[in-house]
Amino acid sequence: MAASSKAICVGKNYEKHAREMGDMTTSRGDPIIFLKPSSSYLHQGSPILLPKGAQVHHEVELGVIIGGASAVRNVSVKDAMQYVQGYLCCLDMTARNWQSTAASKGEPWTLAKGCDTFLPMSEEIPKDRIPDPHNVEVWLKVNGEYRQRGNTKDMIFSIPEVISYTSRYITLYPGDLILTGTPEGVGPVYDGDIIQAGITDIVEMQFLCKAKTE
């Protein structure tokens, strides 16, 4: 995978998750887009760090890797999938109390979403291993118990719609990531918890949660 400059994330892209977060809106509107910095990326073998004062929640997602030889700008929905190089299982770790406080003040979610280690990810999955990314099961366990099980067929905005929409305003480069949203069942993790997550029959990953001491 080429060096990644950023991760584009889609908020509330599953209706049941939006409802569990208190959003009862049924209008489709436009995708909710936010960023995670590349400094938040985490690979297996290193722990997820839980900052002091943060109530950290797990969110499992299908990740998309942007490929191609050049920057992606103003791509159509019809052509968007040709810029997909492969996939990942990703976790959008979120300091929920910080997010809630920011939202109540109309402020950005950057700190709540972008801390170091807040984007754990699997190894890259070749594109041909997921012939239909809009019909795969993503799942997550904490200490061996299921918390999240959802299917990408329930996404509100499809992958090509998200790529097309984003590329109107933010240039995508080879190696950039797109996180497609999380299904319902998000919840807290604590020091010492073990998160297992994956895409059924495709990939599985595991991370230790560790309280940050600094």
N, C-alpha and C. Protein backbone atom coordinates (compact mmCIF):
# COMPACT_ATOMS: atom_id res chain seq x y z
N MET A 1 0.85 -1.20 0.00
CA MET A 1 0.00 0.00 0.00
C MET A 1 0.88 1.24 0.00
N ALA A 2 0.56 2.20 -0.84
CA ALA A 2 1.30 3.45 -0.88
C ALA A 2 1.12 4.21 0.43
N ALA A 3 2.05 5.11 0.71
CA ALA A 3 1.93 5.94 1.91
C ALA A 3 0.60 6.68 1.88
N SER A 4 -0.04 6.73 3.03
CA SER A 4 -1.38 7.31 3.12
C SER A 4 -1.31 8.70 3.75
N SER A 5 -1.94 9.67 3.13
CA SER A 5 -1.92 11.02 3.66
C SER A 5 -3.04 11.29 4.65
N LYS A 6 -4.11 10.47 4.58
CA LYS A 6 -5.29 10.75 5.42
C LYS A 6 -6.28 9.62 5.31
N ALA A 7 -7.22 9.61 6.25
CA ALA A 7 -8.37 8.72 6.19
C ALA A 7 -9.63 9.57 6.18
N ILE A 8 -10.45 9.36 5.17
CA ILE A 8 -11.76 9.99 5.08
C ILE A 8 -12.77 9.05 5.72
N CYS A 9 -13.55 9.55 6.66
CA CYS A 9 -14.49 8.69 7.39
C CYS A 9 -15.92 9.18 7.18
N VAL A 10 -16.85 8.24 7.13
CA VAL A 10 -18.26 8.55 6.94
C VAL A 10 -18.98 8.32 8.26
N GLY A 11 -19.64 9.34 8.76
CA GLY A 11 -20.39 9.23 10.00
C GLY A 11 -21.83 8.81 9.75
N LYS A 12 -22.36 8.01 10.67
CA LYS A 12 -23.78 7.64 10.66
C LYS A 12 -24.22 7.10 9.30
N ASN A 13 -23.45 6.12 8.80
CA ASN A 13 -23.76 5.56 7.49
C ASN A 13 -24.60 4.28 7.58
N TYR A 14 -25.00 3.92 8.78
CA TYR A 14 -25.95 2.82 9.00
C TYR A 14 -27.10 3.39 9.84
N GLU A 15 -28.30 3.18 9.39
CA GLU A 15 -29.45 3.79 10.06
C GLU A 15 -29.56 3.39 11.52
N LYS A 16 -29.36 2.10 11.82
CA LYS A 16 -29.51 1.65 13.21
C LYS A 16 -28.46 2.27 14.11
N HIS A 17 -27.25 2.47 13.58
CA HIS A 17 -26.22 3.15 14.39
C HIS A 17 -26.60 4.61 14.60
N ALA A 18 -27.08 5.27 13.54
CA ALA A 18 -27.49 6.67 13.68
C ALA A 18 -28.56 6.79 14.77
N ARG A 19 -29.47 5.83 14.80
CA ARG A 19 -30.54 5.88 15.80
C ARG A 19 -30.01 5.63 17.21
N GLU A 20 -29.03 4.72 17.34
CA GLU A 20 -28.48 4.49 18.68
C GLU A 20 -27.68 5.69 19.17
N MET A 21 -27.26 6.54 18.23
CA MET A 21 -26.57 7.77 18.60
C MET A 21 -27.54 8.94 18.79
N GLY A 22 -28.84 8.64 18.68
CA GLY A 22 -29.85 9.66 18.95
C GLY A 22 -30.30 10.46 17.75
N ASP A 23 -29.87 10.06 16.54
CA ASP A 23 -30.26 10.76 15.32
C ASP A 23 -31.45 10.03 14.70
N MET A 24 -32.62 10.62 14.80
CA MET A 24 -33.83 9.99 14.28
C MET A 24 -34.19 10.49 12.88
N THR A 25 -33.28 11.23 12.25
CA THR A 25 -33.53 11.78 10.92
C THR A 25 -33.62 10.65 9.90
N THR A 26 -34.60 10.73 9.02
CA THR A 26 -34.73 9.73 7.97
C THR A 26 -34.29 10.27 6.60
N SER A 27 -34.06 11.58 6.51
CA SER A 27 -33.63 12.17 5.24
C SER A 27 -32.20 11.74 4.92
N ARG A 28 -31.95 11.40 3.64
CA ARG A 28 -30.63 10.91 3.24
C ARG A 28 -29.60 12.04 3.22
N GLY A 29 -29.95 13.17 2.65
CA GLY A 29 -29.03 14.30 2.64
C GLY A 29 -27.71 13.98 1.97
N ASP A 30 -26.63 14.56 2.48
CA ASP A 30 -25.27 14.29 2.01
C ASP A 30 -24.52 13.49 3.06
N PRO A 31 -23.47 12.77 2.65
CA PRO A 31 -22.67 12.05 3.64
C PRO A 31 -22.06 12.99 4.68
N ILE A 32 -21.94 12.50 5.90
CA ILE A 32 -21.22 13.21 6.96
C ILE A 32 -19.76 12.76 6.87
N ILE A 33 -18.87 13.70 6.59
CA ILE A 33 -17.47 13.39 6.36
C ILE A 33 -16.60 14.01 7.44
N PHE A 34 -15.65 13.22 7.96
CA PHE A 34 -14.63 13.77 8.85
C PHE A 34 -13.31 13.06 8.57
N LEU A 35 -12.23 13.58 9.13
CA LEU A 35 -10.89 13.06 8.86
C LEU A 35 -10.27 12.42 10.09
N LYS A 36 -9.44 11.43 9.83
CA LYS A 36 -8.50 10.92 10.83
C LYS A 36 -7.09 11.12 10.25
N PRO A 37 -6.15 11.63 11.04
CA PRO A 37 -4.79 11.82 10.52
C PRO A 37 -4.05 10.49 10.40
N SER A 38 -3.05 10.46 9.55
CA SER A 38 -2.27 9.24 9.38
C SER A 38 -1.53 8.87 10.66
N SER A 39 -1.32 9.82 11.56
CA SER A 39 -0.67 9.53 12.85
C SER A 39 -1.54 8.68 13.76
N SER A 40 -2.83 8.51 13.41
CA SER A 40 -3.72 7.66 14.21
C SER A 40 -3.68 6.20 13.78
N TYR A 41 -3.00 5.89 12.68
CA TYR A 41 -2.99 4.54 12.14
C TYR A 41 -2.26 3.59 13.10
N LEU A 42 -2.77 2.37 13.21
CA LEU A 42 -2.20 1.37 14.11
C LEU A 42 -2.29 -0.01 13.47
N HIS A 43 -1.18 -0.74 13.53
CA HIS A 43 -1.14 -2.09 12.99
C HIS A 43 -1.03 -3.10 14.13
N GLN A 44 -1.43 -4.33 13.85
CA GLN A 44 -1.42 -5.37 14.87
C GLN A 44 -0.02 -5.53 15.48
N GLY A 45 -0.03 -5.80 16.78
CA GLY A 45 1.23 -5.93 17.51
C GLY A 45 1.47 -4.77 18.46
N SER A 46 0.73 -3.67 18.25
CA SER A 46 0.82 -2.51 19.14
C SER A 46 -0.56 -2.27 19.76
N PRO A 47 -0.59 -1.72 21.00
CA PRO A 47 -1.88 -1.56 21.68
C PRO A 47 -2.61 -0.29 21.28
N ILE A 48 -3.93 -0.33 21.46
CA ILE A 48 -4.74 0.87 21.36
C ILE A 48 -4.59 1.63 22.67
N LEU A 49 -4.14 2.87 22.62
CA LEU A 49 -3.91 3.67 23.82
C LEU A 49 -5.15 4.47 24.17
N LEU A 50 -5.57 4.36 25.42
CA LEU A 50 -6.77 5.05 25.91
C LEU A 50 -6.34 6.28 26.70
N PRO A 51 -6.56 7.49 26.16
CA PRO A 51 -6.10 8.70 26.84
C PRO A 51 -6.81 8.91 28.18
N LYS A 52 -6.13 9.58 29.07
CA LYS A 52 -6.74 9.92 30.36
C LYS A 52 -7.98 10.78 30.13
N GLY A 53 -9.05 10.45 30.83
CA GLY A 53 -10.27 11.24 30.74
C GLY A 53 -11.15 10.93 29.56
N ALA A 54 -10.73 9.99 28.72
CA ALA A 54 -11.51 9.66 27.52
C ALA A 54 -12.33 8.40 27.75
N GLN A 55 -13.59 8.45 27.40
CA GLN A 55 -14.45 7.26 27.41
C GLN A 55 -14.45 6.72 25.98
N VAL A 56 -13.57 5.76 25.72
CA VAL A 56 -13.29 5.32 24.36
C VAL A 56 -14.24 4.21 23.94
N HIS A 57 -14.85 4.38 22.77
CA HIS A 57 -15.76 3.39 22.19
C HIS A 57 -15.14 2.78 20.94
N HIS A 58 -15.53 1.54 20.66
CA HIS A 58 -15.12 0.84 19.44
C HIS A 58 -16.16 1.05 18.34
N GLU A 59 -15.69 1.10 17.09
CA GLU A 59 -16.56 1.15 15.91
C GLU A 59 -15.86 0.37 14.80
N VAL A 60 -16.38 -0.79 14.44
CA VAL A 60 -15.76 -1.60 13.39
C VAL A 60 -16.30 -1.17 12.03
N GLU A 61 -15.43 -1.15 11.03
CA GLU A 61 -15.82 -0.64 9.71
C GLU A 61 -15.07 -1.37 8.59
N LEU A 62 -15.67 -1.38 7.42
CA LEU A 62 -14.96 -1.76 6.20
C LEU A 62 -14.17 -0.55 5.73
N GLY A 63 -12.87 -0.75 5.55
CA GLY A 63 -12.02 0.31 5.02
C GLY A 63 -11.72 0.08 3.55
N VAL A 64 -11.56 1.17 2.81
CA VAL A 64 -11.28 1.13 1.38
C VAL A 64 -9.94 1.82 1.14
N ILE A 65 -9.09 1.20 0.33
CA ILE A 65 -7.80 1.79 -0.02
C ILE A 65 -7.89 2.37 -1.42
N ILE A 66 -7.56 3.64 -1.54
CA ILE A 66 -7.53 4.30 -2.85
C ILE A 66 -6.25 3.93 -3.58
N GLY A 67 -6.40 3.55 -4.84
CA GLY A 67 -5.25 3.18 -5.66
C GLY A 67 -5.15 4.05 -6.90
N GLY A 68 -4.46 3.52 -7.87
CA GLY A 68 -4.25 4.28 -9.10
C GLY A 68 -2.91 4.96 -9.11
N ALA A 69 -2.60 5.60 -10.21
CA ALA A 69 -1.30 6.23 -10.39
C ALA A 69 -1.33 7.74 -10.17
N SER A 70 -2.51 8.29 -9.98
CA SER A 70 -2.60 9.75 -9.88
C SER A 70 -3.67 10.15 -8.89
N ALA A 71 -3.74 11.43 -8.63
CA ALA A 71 -4.73 11.97 -7.70
C ALA A 71 -6.15 11.80 -8.26
N VAL A 72 -7.09 11.66 -7.36
CA VAL A 72 -8.49 11.46 -7.74
C VAL A 72 -9.26 12.74 -7.42
N ARG A 73 -9.81 13.36 -8.45
CA ARG A 73 -10.60 14.59 -8.29
C ARG A 73 -11.86 14.49 -9.14
N ASN A 74 -12.97 14.90 -8.59
CA ASN A 74 -14.23 15.01 -9.35
C ASN A 74 -14.58 13.74 -10.13
N VAL A 75 -14.39 12.61 -9.49
CA VAL A 75 -14.72 11.35 -10.16
C VAL A 75 -16.23 11.11 -10.08
N SER A 76 -16.78 10.50 -11.10
CA SER A 76 -18.20 10.19 -11.10
C SER A 76 -18.48 8.95 -10.28
N VAL A 77 -19.73 8.79 -9.86
CA VAL A 77 -20.13 7.57 -9.16
C VAL A 77 -19.86 6.34 -10.04
N LYS A 78 -20.16 6.48 -11.31
CA LYS A 78 -20.00 5.36 -12.25
C LYS A 78 -18.55 4.90 -12.34
N ASP A 79 -17.61 5.81 -12.27
CA ASP A 79 -16.20 5.47 -12.45
C ASP A 79 -15.44 5.26 -11.15
N ALA A 80 -16.08 5.49 -10.02
CA ALA A 80 -15.36 5.57 -8.74
C ALA A 80 -14.67 4.26 -8.35
N MET A 81 -15.30 3.11 -8.61
CA MET A 81 -14.73 1.85 -8.14
C MET A 81 -13.42 1.49 -8.81
N GLN A 82 -13.13 2.09 -9.96
CA GLN A 82 -11.85 1.79 -10.60
C GLN A 82 -10.68 2.35 -9.81
N TYR A 83 -10.95 3.25 -8.87
CA TYR A 83 -9.89 3.82 -8.04
C TYR A 83 -9.72 3.08 -6.72
N VAL A 84 -10.44 1.99 -6.53
CA VAL A 84 -10.30 1.17 -5.33
C VAL A 84 -9.21 0.13 -5.56
N GLN A 85 -8.20 0.16 -4.70
CA GLN A 85 -7.09 -0.79 -4.81
C GLN A 85 -7.35 -2.05 -3.99
N GLY A 86 -7.96 -1.89 -2.82
CA GLY A 86 -8.19 -3.01 -1.93
C GLY A 86 -8.99 -2.56 -0.72
N TYR A 87 -9.01 -3.43 0.29
CA TYR A 87 -9.86 -3.18 1.45
C TYR A 87 -9.10 -3.48 2.74
N LEU A 88 -9.69 -3.08 3.86
CA LEU A 88 -9.17 -3.34 5.20
C LEU A 88 -10.34 -3.55 6.14
N CYS A 89 -10.09 -4.20 7.25
CA CYS A 89 -10.98 -4.08 8.40
C CYS A 89 -10.36 -2.99 9.27
N CYS A 90 -11.16 -2.03 9.68
CA CYS A 90 -10.66 -0.90 10.46
C CYS A 90 -11.50 -0.68 11.72
N LEU A 91 -10.92 -0.05 12.70
CA LEU A 91 -11.64 0.40 13.88
C LEU A 91 -11.56 1.92 13.95
N ASP A 92 -12.71 2.54 14.03
CA ASP A 92 -12.77 3.99 14.25
C ASP A 92 -12.96 4.21 15.74
N MET A 93 -11.84 4.20 16.49
CA MET A 93 -11.91 4.42 17.93
C MET A 93 -12.31 5.87 18.19
N THR A 94 -13.18 6.06 19.17
CA THR A 94 -13.78 7.38 19.41
C THR A 94 -13.85 7.67 20.89
N ALA A 95 -13.34 8.82 21.29
CA ALA A 95 -13.52 9.29 22.68
C ALA A 95 -14.93 9.88 22.75
N ARG A 96 -15.89 9.05 23.16
CA ARG A 96 -17.29 9.42 23.01
C ARG A 96 -17.66 10.64 23.83
N ASN A 97 -17.12 10.76 25.04
CA ASN A 97 -17.46 11.93 25.86
C ASN A 97 -16.90 13.21 25.25
N TRP A 98 -15.72 13.13 24.64
CA TRP A 98 -15.17 14.31 23.98
C TRP A 98 -15.97 14.65 22.75
N GLN A 99 -16.41 13.63 22.01
CA GLN A 99 -17.23 13.87 20.84
C GLN A 99 -18.56 14.53 21.23
N SER A 100 -19.20 14.01 22.27
CA SER A 100 -20.49 14.55 22.71
C SER A 100 -20.36 15.99 23.16
N THR A 101 -19.30 16.29 23.89
CA THR A 101 -19.08 17.67 24.34
C THR A 101 -18.87 18.60 23.16
N ALA A 102 -18.04 18.16 22.19
CA ALA A 102 -17.80 18.98 21.01
C ALA A 102 -19.08 19.21 20.22
N ALA A 103 -19.86 18.15 20.03
CA ALA A 103 -21.10 18.25 19.26
C ALA A 103 -22.08 19.20 19.93
N SER A 104 -22.14 19.17 21.26
CA SER A 104 -23.08 20.04 21.98
C SER A 104 -22.73 21.51 21.83
N LYS A 105 -21.46 21.78 21.53
CA LYS A 105 -20.99 23.15 21.35
C LYS A 105 -20.87 23.54 19.88
N GLY A 106 -21.22 22.61 18.98
CA GLY A 106 -21.06 22.87 17.56
C GLY A 106 -19.62 22.90 17.12
N GLU A 107 -18.75 22.20 17.85
CA GLU A 107 -17.33 22.17 17.54
C GLU A 107 -16.95 20.89 16.81
N PRO A 108 -15.79 20.84 16.15
CA PRO A 108 -15.38 19.64 15.40
C PRO A 108 -15.07 18.47 16.32
N TRP A 109 -15.08 17.26 15.72
CA TRP A 109 -14.80 16.02 16.45
C TRP A 109 -13.32 15.63 16.38
N THR A 110 -12.47 16.47 15.91
CA THR A 110 -11.10 16.07 15.55
C THR A 110 -10.38 15.36 16.69
N LEU A 111 -10.38 15.92 17.87
CA LEU A 111 -9.66 15.31 18.98
C LEU A 111 -10.28 13.97 19.37
N ALA A 112 -11.61 13.91 19.37
CA ALA A 112 -12.30 12.68 19.76
C ALA A 112 -12.03 11.53 18.81
N LYS A 113 -11.72 11.84 17.56
CA LYS A 113 -11.53 10.81 16.54
C LYS A 113 -10.08 10.59 16.13
N GLY A 114 -9.22 11.58 16.39
CA GLY A 114 -7.90 11.57 15.76
C GLY A 114 -6.71 11.30 16.64
N CYS A 115 -6.93 10.84 17.88
CA CYS A 115 -5.79 10.57 18.76
C CYS A 115 -4.89 9.48 18.18
N ASP A 116 -3.65 9.48 18.61
CA ASP A 116 -2.72 8.41 18.24
C ASP A 116 -3.35 7.05 18.56
N THR A 117 -3.19 6.10 17.68
CA THR A 117 -3.66 4.71 17.76
C THR A 117 -5.16 4.56 17.58
N PHE A 118 -5.88 5.61 17.19
CA PHE A 118 -7.34 5.56 17.08
C PHE A 118 -7.84 5.03 15.74
N LEU A 119 -6.91 4.51 14.89
CA LEU A 119 -7.35 3.86 13.65
C LEU A 119 -6.60 2.54 13.49
N PRO A 120 -6.94 1.54 14.32
CA PRO A 120 -6.36 0.21 14.13
C PRO A 120 -6.86 -0.40 12.82
N MET A 121 -6.00 -1.20 12.18
CA MET A 121 -6.38 -1.76 10.88
C MET A 121 -5.74 -3.11 10.66
N SER A 122 -6.38 -3.90 9.80
CA SER A 122 -5.86 -5.19 9.39
C SER A 122 -4.83 -5.02 8.29
N GLU A 123 -4.29 -6.15 7.85
CA GLU A 123 -3.48 -6.11 6.63
C GLU A 123 -4.37 -5.81 5.44
N GLU A 124 -3.76 -5.39 4.34
CA GLU A 124 -4.52 -5.08 3.14
C GLU A 124 -5.16 -6.34 2.56
N ILE A 125 -6.41 -6.20 2.12
CA ILE A 125 -7.15 -7.28 1.49
C ILE A 125 -7.21 -6.97 -0.01
N PRO A 126 -6.69 -7.82 -0.87
CA PRO A 126 -6.74 -7.56 -2.31
C PRO A 126 -8.19 -7.39 -2.78
N LYS A 127 -8.36 -6.53 -3.74
CA LYS A 127 -9.70 -6.20 -4.24
C LYS A 127 -10.46 -7.43 -4.70
N ASP A 128 -9.77 -8.38 -5.31
CA ASP A 128 -10.47 -9.54 -5.85
C ASP A 128 -10.96 -10.51 -4.78
N ARG A 129 -10.52 -10.33 -3.53
CA ARG A 129 -11.01 -11.18 -2.45
C ARG A 129 -12.37 -10.73 -1.94
N ILE A 130 -12.77 -9.51 -2.28
CA ILE A 130 -14.10 -9.02 -1.91
C ILE A 130 -14.78 -8.55 -3.19
N PRO A 131 -15.34 -9.46 -3.95
CA PRO A 131 -15.95 -9.08 -5.23
C PRO A 131 -17.16 -8.17 -5.07
N ASP A 132 -17.88 -8.28 -3.93
CA ASP A 132 -19.02 -7.39 -3.66
C ASP A 132 -18.84 -6.76 -2.28
N PRO A 133 -18.20 -5.60 -2.20
CA PRO A 133 -17.98 -4.96 -0.90
C PRO A 133 -19.25 -4.44 -0.26
N HIS A 134 -20.35 -4.48 -0.99
CA HIS A 134 -21.64 -4.03 -0.44
C HIS A 134 -22.47 -5.20 0.07
N ASN A 135 -21.80 -6.32 0.33
CA ASN A 135 -22.48 -7.47 0.94
C ASN A 135 -21.46 -8.33 1.68
N VAL A 136 -20.83 -7.75 2.70
CA VAL A 136 -19.93 -8.50 3.57
C VAL A 136 -20.30 -8.19 5.03
N GLU A 137 -20.03 -9.15 5.90
CA GLU A 137 -20.32 -8.97 7.32
C GLU A 137 -19.08 -8.47 8.05
N VAL A 138 -19.24 -7.38 8.78
CA VAL A 138 -18.19 -6.91 9.68
C VAL A 138 -18.64 -7.22 11.11
N TRP A 139 -17.69 -7.57 11.97
CA TRP A 139 -18.03 -7.97 13.33
C TRP A 139 -16.95 -7.55 14.30
N LEU A 140 -17.32 -7.49 15.57
CA LEU A 140 -16.37 -7.10 16.61
C LEU A 140 -16.76 -7.77 17.92
N LYS A 141 -15.75 -8.28 18.62
CA LYS A 141 -15.91 -8.84 19.95
C LYS A 141 -15.02 -8.08 20.94
N VAL A 142 -15.47 -7.99 22.17
CA VAL A 142 -14.64 -7.49 23.26
C VAL A 142 -14.56 -8.59 24.31
N ASN A 143 -13.35 -9.03 24.59
CA ASN A 143 -13.12 -10.12 25.55
C ASN A 143 -13.95 -11.36 25.20
N GLY A 144 -14.04 -11.63 23.88
CA GLY A 144 -14.69 -12.83 23.41
C GLY A 144 -16.18 -12.74 23.22
N GLU A 145 -16.80 -11.60 23.57
CA GLU A 145 -18.24 -11.45 23.44
C GLU A 145 -18.57 -10.50 22.29
N TYR A 146 -19.51 -10.93 21.44
CA TYR A 146 -19.90 -10.09 20.30
C TYR A 146 -20.50 -8.77 20.79
N ARG A 147 -20.05 -7.69 20.17
CA ARG A 147 -20.63 -6.37 20.38
C ARG A 147 -21.29 -5.85 19.10
N GLN A 148 -20.64 -6.11 17.97
CA GLN A 148 -21.15 -5.59 16.69
C GLN A 148 -21.14 -6.69 15.63
N ARG A 149 -22.23 -6.79 14.89
CA ARG A 149 -22.32 -7.66 13.72
C ARG A 149 -23.24 -6.95 12.74
N GLY A 150 -22.70 -6.58 11.60
CA GLY A 150 -23.50 -5.86 10.61
C GLY A 150 -23.06 -6.21 9.21
N ASN A 151 -23.90 -5.87 8.25
CA ASN A 151 -23.60 -6.15 6.86
C ASN A 151 -23.55 -4.85 6.07
N THR A 152 -22.54 -4.75 5.19
CA THR A 152 -22.36 -3.53 4.42
C THR A 152 -23.50 -3.26 3.46
N LYS A 153 -24.38 -4.23 3.23
CA LYS A 153 -25.55 -3.98 2.39
C LYS A 153 -26.47 -2.94 3.02
N ASP A 154 -26.31 -2.69 4.33
CA ASP A 154 -27.15 -1.73 5.03
C ASP A 154 -26.57 -0.32 5.06
N MET A 155 -25.44 -0.10 4.39
CA MET A 155 -24.89 1.25 4.33
C MET A 155 -25.86 2.19 3.61
N ILE A 156 -25.96 3.40 4.11
CA ILE A 156 -26.83 4.40 3.48
C ILE A 156 -26.19 4.91 2.19
N PHE A 157 -24.91 5.25 2.26
CA PHE A 157 -24.16 5.72 1.09
C PHE A 157 -23.18 4.64 0.67
N SER A 158 -23.18 4.29 -0.62
CA SER A 158 -22.29 3.25 -1.13
C SER A 158 -20.87 3.77 -1.25
N ILE A 159 -19.95 2.84 -1.46
CA ILE A 159 -18.55 3.23 -1.63
C ILE A 159 -18.35 4.19 -2.81
N PRO A 160 -18.88 3.90 -4.00
CA PRO A 160 -18.68 4.86 -5.10
C PRO A 160 -19.32 6.21 -4.83
N GLU A 161 -20.44 6.24 -4.12
CA GLU A 161 -21.05 7.53 -3.77
C GLU A 161 -20.15 8.33 -2.85
N VAL A 162 -19.54 7.66 -1.89
CA VAL A 162 -18.64 8.36 -0.95
C VAL A 162 -17.40 8.86 -1.66
N ILE A 163 -16.80 8.02 -2.51
CA ILE A 163 -15.61 8.45 -3.26
C ILE A 163 -15.95 9.64 -4.14
N SER A 164 -17.05 9.56 -4.86
CA SER A 164 -17.43 10.64 -5.76
C SER A 164 -17.67 11.93 -4.99
N TYR A 165 -18.45 11.84 -3.92
CA TYR A 165 -18.77 13.03 -3.13
C TYR A 165 -17.51 13.66 -2.55
N THR A 166 -16.66 12.85 -1.95
CA THR A 166 -15.44 13.38 -1.34
C THR A 166 -14.54 14.04 -2.36
N SER A 167 -14.41 13.40 -3.53
CA SER A 167 -13.45 13.89 -4.52
C SER A 167 -13.87 15.21 -5.16
N ARG A 168 -15.11 15.63 -4.94
CA ARG A 168 -15.51 16.97 -5.39
C ARG A 168 -14.79 18.07 -4.61
N TYR A 169 -14.44 17.76 -3.37
CA TYR A 169 -13.94 18.79 -2.46
C TYR A 169 -12.55 18.50 -1.91
N ILE A 170 -12.20 17.21 -1.77
CA ILE A 170 -10.92 16.82 -1.18
C ILE A 170 -10.24 15.86 -2.14
N THR A 171 -9.06 16.21 -2.59
CA THR A 171 -8.32 15.33 -3.49
C THR A 171 -7.90 14.06 -2.76
N LEU A 172 -8.12 12.93 -3.39
CA LEU A 172 -7.71 11.64 -2.85
C LEU A 172 -6.44 11.19 -3.56
N TYR A 173 -5.48 10.69 -2.77
CA TYR A 173 -4.22 10.24 -3.32
C TYR A 173 -4.07 8.73 -3.13
N PRO A 174 -3.28 8.07 -3.97
CA PRO A 174 -3.04 6.64 -3.79
C PRO A 174 -2.57 6.36 -2.35
N GLY A 175 -3.18 5.37 -1.74
CA GLY A 175 -2.86 5.04 -0.35
C GLY A 175 -3.81 5.62 0.66
N ASP A 176 -4.57 6.64 0.27
CA ASP A 176 -5.56 7.20 1.20
C ASP A 176 -6.62 6.16 1.53
N LEU A 177 -7.21 6.32 2.70
CA LEU A 177 -8.21 5.38 3.18
C LEU A 177 -9.58 6.03 3.24
N ILE A 178 -10.60 5.22 3.04
CA ILE A 178 -11.97 5.64 3.30
C ILE A 178 -12.59 4.64 4.26
N LEU A 179 -13.09 5.12 5.39
CA LEU A 179 -13.82 4.29 6.34
C LEU A 179 -15.30 4.50 6.11
N THR A 180 -16.03 3.40 5.92
CA THR A 180 -17.38 3.47 5.37
C THR A 180 -18.49 3.54 6.41
N GLY A 181 -18.15 3.68 7.68
CA GLY A 181 -19.17 3.77 8.72
C GLY A 181 -19.31 2.47 9.49
N THR A 182 -19.96 2.57 10.64
CA THR A 182 -20.07 1.42 11.54
C THR A 182 -21.53 1.03 11.76
N PRO A 183 -21.80 -0.27 11.90
CA PRO A 183 -23.15 -0.70 12.27
C PRO A 183 -23.41 -0.47 13.76
N GLU A 184 -24.63 -0.78 14.19
CA GLU A 184 -25.00 -0.57 15.58
C GLU A 184 -24.20 -1.48 16.52
N GLY A 185 -24.24 -1.13 17.81
CA GLY A 185 -23.58 -1.94 18.82
C GLY A 185 -22.31 -1.34 19.38
N VAL A 186 -22.02 -0.09 19.04
CA VAL A 186 -20.81 0.54 19.56
C VAL A 186 -20.88 0.61 21.09
N GLY A 187 -19.70 0.60 21.72
CA GLY A 187 -19.69 0.62 23.17
C GLY A 187 -18.30 0.83 23.71
N PRO A 188 -18.17 0.94 25.04
CA PRO A 188 -16.90 1.31 25.65
C PRO A 188 -15.90 0.16 25.75
N VAL A 189 -14.64 0.54 25.80
CA VAL A 189 -13.56 -0.40 26.10
C VAL A 189 -12.72 0.20 27.23
N TYR A 190 -12.02 -0.71 27.93
CA TYR A 190 -11.27 -0.30 29.11
C TYR A 190 -9.88 -0.93 29.09
N ASP A 191 -9.04 -0.44 29.98
CA ASP A 191 -7.68 -0.95 30.10
C ASP A 191 -7.69 -2.47 30.26
N GLY A 192 -6.94 -3.15 29.42
CA GLY A 192 -6.84 -4.60 29.48
C GLY A 192 -7.80 -5.35 28.60
N ASP A 193 -8.79 -4.67 28.03
CA ASP A 193 -9.73 -5.34 27.13
C ASP A 193 -9.02 -5.80 25.85
N ILE A 194 -9.50 -6.91 25.32
CA ILE A 194 -9.02 -7.43 24.04
C ILE A 194 -10.12 -7.26 23.01
N ILE A 195 -9.82 -6.54 21.94
CA ILE A 195 -10.75 -6.38 20.82
C ILE A 195 -10.35 -7.34 19.71
N GLN A 196 -11.30 -8.14 19.27
CA GLN A 196 -11.15 -8.93 18.05
C GLN A 196 -12.17 -8.41 17.05
N ALA A 197 -11.77 -8.29 15.82
CA ALA A 197 -12.68 -7.77 14.80
C ALA A 197 -12.29 -8.35 13.46
N GLY A 198 -13.24 -8.30 12.52
CA GLY A 198 -12.90 -8.82 11.22
C GLY A 198 -14.02 -8.68 10.21
N ILE A 199 -13.74 -9.20 9.05
CA ILE A 199 -14.71 -9.34 7.97
C ILE A 199 -14.87 -10.83 7.76
N THR A 200 -16.08 -11.34 7.94
CA THR A 200 -16.32 -12.78 7.96
C THR A 200 -15.74 -13.49 6.74
N ASP A 201 -14.97 -14.55 7.01
CA ASP A 201 -14.35 -15.41 5.99
C ASP A 201 -13.25 -14.70 5.19
N ILE A 202 -12.87 -13.49 5.61
CA ILE A 202 -11.86 -12.75 4.86
C ILE A 202 -10.64 -12.43 5.73
N VAL A 203 -10.87 -11.77 6.87
CA VAL A 203 -9.75 -11.31 7.70
C VAL A 203 -10.20 -11.18 9.14
N GLU A 204 -9.24 -11.35 10.05
CA GLU A 204 -9.50 -11.16 11.48
C GLU A 204 -8.28 -10.46 12.09
N MET A 205 -8.53 -9.65 13.10
CA MET A 205 -7.43 -8.94 13.76
C MET A 205 -7.71 -8.85 15.25
N GLN A 206 -6.67 -8.52 16.03
CA GLN A 206 -6.82 -8.44 17.48
C GLN A 206 -5.93 -7.34 18.03
N PHE A 207 -6.47 -6.59 18.99
CA PHE A 207 -5.74 -5.50 19.62
C PHE A 207 -6.00 -5.48 21.12
N LEU A 208 -4.98 -5.17 21.88
CA LEU A 208 -5.08 -4.93 23.32
C LEU A 208 -5.36 -3.45 23.55
N CYS A 209 -6.27 -3.16 24.48
CA CYS A 209 -6.51 -1.78 24.90
C CYS A 209 -5.66 -1.49 26.15
N LYS A 210 -4.99 -0.38 26.14
CA LYS A 210 -4.06 -0.07 27.23
C LYS A 210 -4.22 1.39 27.64
N ALA A 211 -4.43 1.61 28.94
CA ALA A 211 -4.56 2.99 29.44
C ALA A 211 -3.25 3.75 29.21
N LYS A 212 -3.40 4.95 28.70
CA LYS A 212 -2.23 5.80 28.46
C LYS A 212 -1.80 6.43 29.76
N THR A 213 -0.54 6.36 30.09
CA THR A 213 -0.05 6.82 31.38
C THR A 213 0.48 8.25 31.35
N GLU A 214 0.64 8.81 30.16
CA GLU A 214 1.19 10.17 30.05
C GLU A 214 0.10 11.17 29.71
